[in-house]
N, C-alpha and C. Protein backbone atom coordinates (compact mmCIF):
# COMPACT_ATOMS: atom_id res chain seq x y z
N MET A 1 -20.91 -20.32 7.56
CA MET A 1 -21.51 -20.84 6.26
C MET A 1 -20.71 -22.92 5.66
N THR A 2 -20.62 -23.38 5.75
CA THR A 2 -20.11 -24.63 5.35
C THR A 2 -20.61 -24.75 3.49
N LEU A 3 -19.64 -25.52 2.79
CA LEU A 3 -19.57 -25.59 1.66
C LEU A 3 -20.76 -26.39 1.46
N SER A 4 -20.61 -27.19 2.60
CA SER A 4 -21.31 -28.66 1.83
C SER A 4 -23.01 -28.19 2.38
N SER A 5 -23.82 -27.02 2.73
CA SER A 5 -24.37 -26.68 2.96
C SER A 5 -25.17 -25.67 1.96
N ASN A 6 -23.63 -25.78 0.87
CA ASN A 6 -24.41 -24.53 -0.04
C ASN A 6 -25.33 -24.59 -0.90
N PRO A 7 -25.72 -24.60 -1.78
CA PRO A 7 -26.26 -25.04 -3.55
C PRO A 7 -25.21 -24.79 -4.37
N THR A 8 -24.94 -25.59 -5.07
CA THR A 8 -23.99 -25.77 -6.25
C THR A 8 -23.95 -24.52 -7.13
N ASN A 9 -25.02 -23.87 -6.88
CA ASN A 9 -25.16 -22.52 -7.81
C ASN A 9 -24.71 -21.76 -7.22
N THR A 10 -24.50 -21.11 -5.80
CA THR A 10 -23.75 -20.23 -4.88
C THR A 10 -22.48 -19.61 -5.64
N ILE A 11 -21.93 -18.55 -5.46
CA ILE A 11 -20.36 -18.36 -5.60
C ILE A 11 -20.02 -18.10 -4.65
N LEU A 12 -19.52 -18.96 -4.29
CA LEU A 12 -18.93 -18.39 -3.01
C LEU A 12 -17.85 -16.67 -2.68
N LYS A 13 -17.38 -16.69 -1.90
CA LYS A 13 -17.22 -15.25 -1.95
C LYS A 13 -15.27 -15.56 -0.79
N ILE A 14 -14.63 -15.50 -1.26
CA ILE A 14 -13.65 -15.64 -1.00
C ILE A 14 -12.38 -14.80 -0.39
N VAL A 15 -11.20 -14.61 0.19
CA VAL A 15 -10.36 -14.20 0.37
C VAL A 15 -8.97 -14.61 0.64
N ILE A 16 -7.98 -14.33 -0.45
CA ILE A 16 -6.45 -15.06 -0.40
C ILE A 16 -5.82 -14.33 0.26
N ASP A 17 -5.16 -14.81 0.91
CA ASP A 17 -3.74 -13.99 1.67
C ASP A 17 -2.37 -13.78 0.49
N THR A 18 -1.72 -13.00 0.65
CA THR A 18 -0.61 -12.60 -0.09
C THR A 18 0.15 -13.83 -0.05
N ASN A 19 0.68 -14.14 0.49
CA ASN A 19 1.39 -16.03 0.20
C ASN A 19 1.01 -16.54 -0.20
N LEU A 20 -0.23 -16.64 -0.42
CA LEU A 20 -0.81 -17.32 -1.85
C LEU A 20 -0.52 -17.11 -3.05
N PHE A 21 -0.53 -16.06 -3.19
CA PHE A 21 -0.70 -15.20 -4.18
C PHE A 21 0.88 -15.59 -4.67
N LEU A 22 2.02 -15.47 -3.86
CA LEU A 22 3.43 -16.15 -4.40
C LEU A 22 3.30 -17.55 -4.15
N SER A 23 2.96 -18.13 -3.97
CA SER A 23 2.67 -19.45 -3.83
C SER A 23 2.38 -19.76 -5.32
N VAL A 24 1.73 -19.27 -5.87
CA VAL A 24 1.32 -19.28 -7.78
C VAL A 24 2.30 -18.66 -9.14
N PHE A 25 1.96 -17.62 -8.47
CA PHE A 25 2.92 -17.05 -9.21
C PHE A 25 4.20 -17.06 -9.49
N ALA A 26 5.10 -17.07 -8.58
CA ALA A 26 6.63 -16.77 -7.70
C ALA A 26 7.21 -18.15 -8.03
N PHE A 27 6.45 -19.17 -6.99
CA PHE A 27 6.82 -20.24 -6.96
C PHE A 27 6.05 -21.53 -7.59
N ARG A 28 4.89 -21.24 -8.74
CA ARG A 28 3.97 -22.06 -9.47
C ARG A 28 3.32 -23.11 -8.52
N GLY A 29 2.96 -22.52 -7.94
CA GLY A 29 2.44 -23.86 -6.62
C GLY A 29 1.05 -24.39 -7.14
N GLN A 30 1.04 -25.50 -7.09
CA GLN A 30 -0.13 -26.23 -8.00
C GLN A 30 -1.54 -26.00 -7.25
N MET A 31 -1.02 -26.99 -6.02
CA MET A 31 -2.64 -26.84 -5.39
C MET A 31 -3.54 -25.29 -5.13
N VAL A 32 -3.09 -24.02 -4.68
CA VAL A 32 -3.28 -23.19 -4.88
C VAL A 32 -4.14 -22.90 -6.34
N ASN A 33 -3.16 -23.08 -7.50
CA ASN A 33 -3.26 -22.58 -8.51
C ASN A 33 -4.75 -22.97 -8.83
N LEU A 34 -4.97 -23.89 -8.37
CA LEU A 34 -6.78 -24.49 -8.78
C LEU A 34 -7.68 -24.05 -8.20
N ILE A 35 -7.57 -23.86 -7.08
CA ILE A 35 -8.38 -22.09 -6.84
C ILE A 35 -8.14 -20.73 -7.33
N PHE A 36 -7.77 -20.17 -8.28
CA PHE A 36 -6.79 -18.93 -8.42
C PHE A 36 -8.15 -19.92 -10.01
N ASP A 37 -8.20 -20.50 -10.43
CA ASP A 37 -8.74 -21.37 -11.56
C ASP A 37 -10.21 -20.96 -11.68
N LEU A 38 -10.83 -21.37 -10.05
CA LEU A 38 -12.01 -21.25 -9.80
C LEU A 38 -12.57 -20.06 -10.09
N VAL A 39 -11.29 -19.03 -9.95
CA VAL A 39 -11.88 -17.32 -9.74
C VAL A 39 -11.82 -16.88 -11.47
N ILE A 40 -10.80 -17.74 -11.93
CA ILE A 40 -10.97 -17.03 -13.42
C ILE A 40 -11.55 -17.57 -13.88
N SER A 41 -12.62 -18.52 -13.87
CA SER A 41 -13.46 -19.42 -14.31
C SER A 41 -15.28 -18.98 -13.51
N ARG A 42 -14.95 -17.88 -13.10
CA ARG A 42 -15.83 -16.83 -11.74
C ARG A 42 -16.74 -18.30 -11.33
N LYS A 43 -16.36 -19.31 -10.53
CA LYS A 43 -17.04 -20.14 -9.60
C LYS A 43 -16.74 -19.65 -8.50
N LEU A 44 -15.56 -18.30 -8.20
CA LEU A 44 -15.49 -18.32 -6.83
C LEU A 44 -15.32 -16.79 -7.21
N ASP A 45 -15.58 -15.94 -6.19
CA ASP A 45 -15.97 -14.41 -6.05
C ASP A 45 -14.37 -13.95 -5.32
N MET A 46 -13.54 -13.93 -5.53
CA MET A 46 -11.89 -12.89 -4.79
C MET A 46 -11.99 -11.54 -4.63
N TYR A 47 -12.13 -11.11 -3.49
CA TYR A 47 -12.07 -9.74 -3.24
C TYR A 47 -10.69 -9.57 -2.59
N PHE A 48 -10.35 -7.89 -2.75
CA PHE A 48 -9.09 -7.83 -2.48
C PHE A 48 -9.31 -6.60 -2.09
N SER A 49 -8.63 -5.60 -1.30
CA SER A 49 -8.30 -4.02 -1.16
C SER A 49 -7.07 -3.92 -1.33
N PRO A 50 -7.24 -2.12 -1.45
CA PRO A 50 -6.28 -1.42 -1.41
C PRO A 50 -4.32 -2.07 -0.43
N ILE A 51 -5.22 -2.06 0.28
CA ILE A 51 -4.00 -2.58 1.47
C ILE A 51 -3.30 -4.19 0.81
N LEU A 52 -4.27 -4.48 0.32
CA LEU A 52 -3.89 -6.76 0.18
C LEU A 52 -2.80 -5.90 -1.07
N LYS A 53 -3.29 -4.94 -2.01
CA LYS A 53 -2.64 -4.90 -3.33
C LYS A 53 -1.02 -4.31 -2.71
N GLN A 54 -0.99 -3.69 -1.87
CA GLN A 54 0.30 -2.82 -1.36
C GLN A 54 1.19 -3.99 -0.66
N GLU A 55 0.66 -5.24 0.27
CA GLU A 55 1.46 -6.42 0.60
C GLU A 55 1.70 -6.53 -0.37
N LEU A 56 1.16 -7.45 -1.27
CA LEU A 56 1.51 -7.97 -2.55
C LEU A 56 2.57 -7.25 -3.44
N LYS A 57 2.65 -6.42 -3.15
CA LYS A 57 3.58 -5.14 -3.90
C LYS A 57 5.08 -5.57 -2.88
N LYS A 58 5.24 -5.37 -1.42
CA LYS A 58 6.23 -5.38 -0.39
C LYS A 58 6.35 -6.93 -0.56
N LYS A 59 5.35 -8.26 -0.65
CA LYS A 59 5.97 -9.14 -0.50
C LYS A 59 6.55 -9.78 -2.03
N PHE A 60 6.58 -9.14 -3.40
CA PHE A 60 7.17 -9.76 -4.22
C PHE A 60 8.19 -8.89 -4.16
N GLU A 61 8.58 -7.85 -4.21
CA GLU A 61 9.81 -6.79 -3.96
C GLU A 61 10.60 -8.09 -2.45
N PHE A 62 10.59 -8.11 -1.58
CA PHE A 62 11.18 -8.68 -0.92
C PHE A 62 11.60 -10.29 -1.04
N PHE A 63 11.00 -10.83 -1.74
CA PHE A 63 11.14 -12.09 -2.53
C PHE A 63 11.91 -12.48 -3.89
N GLN A 64 12.13 -10.54 -4.44
CA GLN A 64 12.73 -10.27 -6.22
C GLN A 64 12.39 -10.87 -6.76
N VAL A 65 11.21 -11.01 -6.84
CA VAL A 65 9.89 -11.31 -8.02
C VAL A 65 10.45 -10.29 -8.95
N SER A 66 10.40 -11.00 -10.08
CA SER A 66 10.41 -10.24 -11.21
C SER A 66 9.18 -9.24 -11.60
N ASP A 67 9.80 -8.16 -12.15
CA ASP A 67 8.23 -6.93 -12.30
C ASP A 67 7.20 -7.57 -13.25
N THR A 68 7.60 -8.81 -14.27
CA THR A 68 6.68 -8.84 -15.27
C THR A 68 5.73 -9.96 -14.51
N VAL A 69 6.51 -10.46 -13.63
CA VAL A 69 5.39 -11.42 -12.77
C VAL A 69 4.55 -10.80 -11.85
N PHE A 70 5.04 -10.07 -11.13
CA PHE A 70 3.72 -8.84 -10.84
C PHE A 70 2.87 -8.34 -11.72
N GLU A 71 3.50 -7.86 -12.50
CA GLU A 71 2.56 -7.44 -13.41
C GLU A 71 1.43 -8.27 -13.67
N GLU A 72 1.98 -9.61 -13.69
CA GLU A 72 0.45 -10.53 -14.52
C GLU A 72 0.02 -11.02 -13.24
N VAL A 73 0.46 -10.73 -11.59
CA VAL A 73 -1.04 -10.89 -10.98
C VAL A 73 -1.71 -10.20 -10.64
N MET A 74 -1.48 -8.25 -10.45
CA MET A 74 -1.90 -6.99 -10.70
C MET A 74 -2.98 -7.29 -11.69
N GLU A 75 -2.46 -8.01 -12.82
CA GLU A 75 -3.85 -7.90 -13.86
C GLU A 75 -4.87 -9.14 -13.46
N PHE A 76 -4.23 -10.16 -12.79
CA PHE A 76 -4.94 -10.89 -12.64
C PHE A 76 -5.85 -10.69 -11.34
N VAL A 77 -5.17 -9.87 -10.30
CA VAL A 77 -6.17 -9.25 -9.47
C VAL A 77 -7.16 -7.99 -9.83
N ASN A 78 -6.53 -7.30 -10.91
CA ASN A 78 -7.71 -6.57 -11.07
C ASN A 78 -8.34 -6.66 -12.00
N THR A 79 -8.52 -7.66 -12.64
CA THR A 79 -9.13 -8.24 -13.69
C THR A 79 -10.52 -9.26 -13.25
N LYS A 80 -9.94 -10.07 -12.44
CA LYS A 80 -11.01 -11.46 -11.91
C LYS A 80 -11.29 -10.86 -10.52
N GLY A 81 -10.72 -10.04 -9.40
CA GLY A 81 -10.51 -9.57 -8.44
C GLY A 81 -11.97 -8.82 -8.37
N ILE A 82 -12.71 -8.26 -7.26
CA ILE A 82 -13.71 -7.49 -6.79
C ILE A 82 -12.75 -6.62 -5.54
N LEU A 83 -12.96 -5.28 -5.87
CA LEU A 83 -12.03 -4.12 -5.05
C LEU A 83 -12.81 -3.74 -4.19
N ILE A 84 -12.60 -3.63 -3.07
CA ILE A 84 -13.38 -3.29 -1.95
C ILE A 84 -12.49 -2.27 -1.08
N GLU A 85 -13.15 -1.43 -0.51
CA GLU A 85 -12.44 -0.43 0.63
C GLU A 85 -12.97 -0.55 2.53
N PRO A 86 -12.43 -1.70 2.88
CA PRO A 86 -13.09 -2.11 4.22
C PRO A 86 -12.85 -0.31 5.20
N HIS A 87 -14.19 0.03 5.51
CA HIS A 87 -14.03 1.08 6.57
C HIS A 87 -14.44 0.84 8.14
N ILE A 88 -13.49 -0.19 8.24
CA ILE A 88 -13.14 -1.05 10.06
C ILE A 88 -11.92 -1.00 10.57
N THR A 89 -11.97 -1.47 11.74
CA THR A 89 -11.02 -1.58 12.05
C THR A 89 -11.30 -2.59 12.71
N ILE A 90 -9.87 -3.54 12.61
CA ILE A 90 -9.59 -4.96 13.58
C ILE A 90 -8.55 -4.97 13.91
N GLU A 91 -8.28 -4.98 15.54
CA GLU A 91 -6.54 -5.04 16.33
C GLU A 91 -6.91 -6.28 16.84
N LYS A 92 -7.41 -7.81 16.05
CA LYS A 92 -7.60 -9.08 17.32
C LYS A 92 -6.65 -10.06 16.77
N SER A 93 -5.64 -9.64 15.53
CA SER A 93 -4.35 -11.23 15.03
C SER A 93 -3.58 -10.55 16.24
N ARG A 94 -2.83 -11.68 16.40
CA ARG A 94 -1.70 -12.04 17.13
C ARG A 94 -0.63 -11.03 16.53
N ASP A 95 -0.69 -11.33 15.08
CA ASP A 95 0.56 -10.72 14.40
C ASP A 95 -0.75 -8.84 13.73
N ILE A 96 -0.68 -7.93 14.49
CA ILE A 96 -0.83 -6.73 13.86
C ILE A 96 -1.35 -6.81 12.25
N LYS A 97 0.40 -7.43 11.50
CA LYS A 97 -0.02 -7.18 9.73
C LYS A 97 -0.80 -8.04 9.52
N ASP A 98 -1.89 -8.70 9.95
CA ASP A 98 -2.65 -10.07 9.91
C ASP A 98 -4.00 -8.82 9.61
N ASN A 99 -4.03 -7.95 10.34
CA ASN A 99 -5.86 -7.07 10.99
C ASN A 99 -6.23 -6.87 9.25
N PHE A 100 -6.13 -6.37 8.36
CA PHE A 100 -5.91 -6.21 7.35
C PHE A 100 -6.80 -7.20 6.35
N LEU A 101 -6.49 -8.57 6.89
CA LEU A 101 -7.08 -9.48 6.10
C LEU A 101 -8.84 -9.88 6.82
N LEU A 102 -8.90 -9.52 8.31
CA LEU A 102 -9.99 -9.60 8.78
C LEU A 102 -10.69 -8.93 8.66
N GLU A 103 -10.46 -7.27 8.66
CA GLU A 103 -11.05 -6.70 7.92
C GLU A 103 -11.33 -6.63 6.52
N LEU A 104 -10.92 -6.89 5.46
CA LEU A 104 -11.21 -7.56 4.35
C LEU A 104 -11.95 -8.45 4.21
N SER A 105 -11.73 -9.41 5.02
CA SER A 105 -12.60 -10.64 5.30
C SER A 105 -14.47 -10.23 5.69
N GLU A 106 -14.27 -10.07 6.79
CA GLU A 106 -15.57 -9.08 7.50
C GLU A 106 -16.36 -7.93 6.28
N ALA A 107 -15.65 -7.08 6.11
CA ALA A 107 -16.34 -5.93 4.78
C ALA A 107 -16.54 -6.97 3.75
N ALA A 108 -16.38 -7.66 3.24
CA ALA A 108 -17.00 -8.55 2.34
C ALA A 108 -17.88 -9.38 2.40
N ASN A 109 -17.92 -9.61 4.19
CA ASN A 109 -18.96 -10.94 3.79
C ASN A 109 -18.43 -12.06 3.48
N ALA A 110 -17.17 -12.67 3.62
CA ALA A 110 -16.22 -13.48 2.68
C ALA A 110 -16.75 -14.47 3.21
N ASP A 111 -16.82 -15.79 2.66
CA ASP A 111 -17.59 -17.18 3.00
C ASP A 111 -16.22 -18.01 4.17
N TYR A 112 -14.91 -17.08 3.33
CA TYR A 112 -13.46 -17.97 3.14
C TYR A 112 -12.38 -17.30 3.13
N LEU A 113 -11.73 -17.03 4.46
CA LEU A 113 -10.17 -16.47 4.50
C LEU A 113 -9.28 -17.87 3.99
N VAL A 114 -8.85 -17.86 2.54
CA VAL A 114 -7.57 -18.91 2.49
C VAL A 114 -6.09 -18.34 3.06
N THR A 115 -5.73 -19.30 3.54
CA THR A 115 -4.57 -18.44 4.47
C THR A 115 -3.51 -20.11 4.78
N ARG A 116 -2.27 -20.10 4.90
CA ARG A 116 -1.68 -20.78 5.51
C ARG A 116 -1.14 -20.26 7.25
N ASP A 117 -1.22 -19.03 7.51
CA ASP A 117 -0.72 -18.35 8.54
C ASP A 117 -1.71 -19.12 9.82
N GLU A 118 -0.34 -19.26 10.46
CA GLU A 118 -1.15 -20.13 11.98
C GLU A 118 -1.71 -18.85 12.45
N ASP A 119 -1.30 -17.27 12.54
CA ASP A 119 -1.55 -16.11 13.73
C ASP A 119 -3.37 -15.65 13.12
N LEU A 120 -3.65 -16.69 11.59
CA LEU A 120 -4.96 -16.36 11.58
C LEU A 120 -5.80 -17.92 11.57
N LEU A 121 -4.83 -18.78 11.14
CA LEU A 121 -5.69 -20.11 11.33
C LEU A 121 -6.38 -20.31 12.55
N VAL A 122 -5.57 -20.10 13.81
CA VAL A 122 -5.86 -20.14 14.99
C VAL A 122 -7.48 -19.62 15.71
N PHE A 123 -7.87 -18.58 14.29
CA PHE A 123 -9.48 -18.05 15.02
C PHE A 123 -10.21 -19.04 14.47
N LYS A 124 -9.72 -19.67 13.33
CA LYS A 124 -11.29 -20.65 12.71
C LYS A 124 -11.91 -20.13 11.95
N LYS A 125 -12.59 -18.77 12.49
CA LYS A 125 -13.81 -18.38 12.02
C LYS A 125 -13.42 -17.13 12.84
N TRP A 126 -14.19 -16.13 11.86
CA TRP A 126 -14.22 -14.40 12.12
C TRP A 126 -15.49 -13.70 11.27
N LYS A 127 -16.41 -13.67 12.15
CA LYS A 127 -17.60 -13.36 12.33
C LYS A 127 -17.83 -14.45 11.08
N ASN A 128 -18.90 -13.80 10.23
CA ASN A 128 -19.40 -15.22 9.06
C ASN A 128 -18.42 -15.98 8.19
N THR A 129 -16.76 -15.26 8.35
CA THR A 129 -15.81 -16.17 7.44
C THR A 129 -14.96 -17.23 7.75
N GLU A 130 -15.23 -18.54 7.64
CA GLU A 130 -14.77 -19.46 7.91
C GLU A 130 -13.40 -18.88 7.57
N ILE A 131 -11.74 -19.35 8.07
CA ILE A 131 -10.36 -19.36 8.34
C ILE A 131 -10.02 -21.16 7.92
N ILE A 132 -9.72 -21.11 6.92
CA ILE A 132 -9.19 -22.20 6.44
C ILE A 132 -7.58 -22.47 5.58
N LYS A 133 -6.83 -23.29 5.57
CA LYS A 133 -5.59 -23.74 4.67
C LYS A 133 -6.52 -24.02 3.72
N PRO A 134 -5.68 -23.88 2.22
CA PRO A 134 -5.76 -24.08 1.05
C PRO A 134 -6.11 -25.92 1.10
N GLU A 135 -5.05 -26.77 1.85
CA GLU A 135 -5.52 -28.00 2.05
C GLU A 135 -6.60 -28.37 2.35
N ASP A 136 -6.99 -27.85 2.73
CA ASP A 136 -8.80 -28.33 3.48
C ASP A 136 -9.56 -27.83 3.02
N PHE A 137 -9.75 -26.89 2.27
CA PHE A 137 -10.76 -25.92 1.30
C PHE A 137 -10.54 -26.69 0.06
N LEU A 138 -9.78 -27.02 -0.77
CA LEU A 138 -10.05 -27.52 -1.69
C LEU A 138 -10.83 -29.34 -1.63
N PRO A 139 -10.66 -30.12 -0.66
CA PRO A 139 -11.39 -31.35 -0.52
C PRO A 139 -13.44 -30.44 -0.20
N LEU A 140 -13.33 -29.53 -0.09
CA LEU A 140 -14.78 -28.93 0.20
C LEU A 140 -15.32 -28.16 -1.24
N LEU A 141 -14.20 -27.92 -1.95
CA LEU A 141 -14.38 -27.26 -3.32
C LEU A 141 -15.14 -28.45 -4.50
N ARG A 142 -14.18 -29.60 -4.09
CA ARG A 142 -14.41 -31.16 -5.01
C ARG A 142 -15.68 -31.62 -4.54
N LYS A 143 -15.96 -31.34 -2.88
CA LYS A 143 -17.32 -31.94 -2.51
C LYS A 143 -18.79 -31.35 -3.47
N MET A 144 -18.65 -29.98 -3.59
CA MET A 144 -19.36 -28.90 -4.14
C MET A 144 -19.48 -29.08 -5.76
N LYS A 145 -18.18 -30.21 -5.90
CA LYS A 145 -18.14 -30.22 -7.37
C LYS A 145 -17.67 -29.10 -8.31
N LEU A 146 -17.23 -28.14 -7.67
CA LEU A 146 -17.17 -27.14 -8.45
C LEU A 146 -14.98 -27.32 -8.83
N LEU A 147 -14.32 -28.67 -8.70
CA LEU A 147 -13.06 -28.95 -8.72
C LEU A 147 -13.36 -30.34 -9.72
């Protein structure tokens, strides 16, 4: 599915890689923040899983991000995201630690998996999910007049 073929009233389903949460909440990355703004305004549906939450915790601890910022992330995820528990196992990524994102994307039937991880981007598409960098996703969102 491409954005240009979607009617503008369709809410896209997305999965966001854990590193992009770090980009926004820990390092104040503005580009990805635009995507989160669309989640907040309910123009995008963001899916997450218990494993994604665990990965967020690990990454925020590794980068020594404050507990306050981590709590802000969890508040965002819990109030703006849609929790699902994938009941599938995928072992296709070059980096086995990334398989949970493919599982989540497939279980959510997500339109897009937004990431900068080359081990995921190499797929370009997984089932019905396009795998895309935020730098490429934003122009598509503008084309749909979501930004």
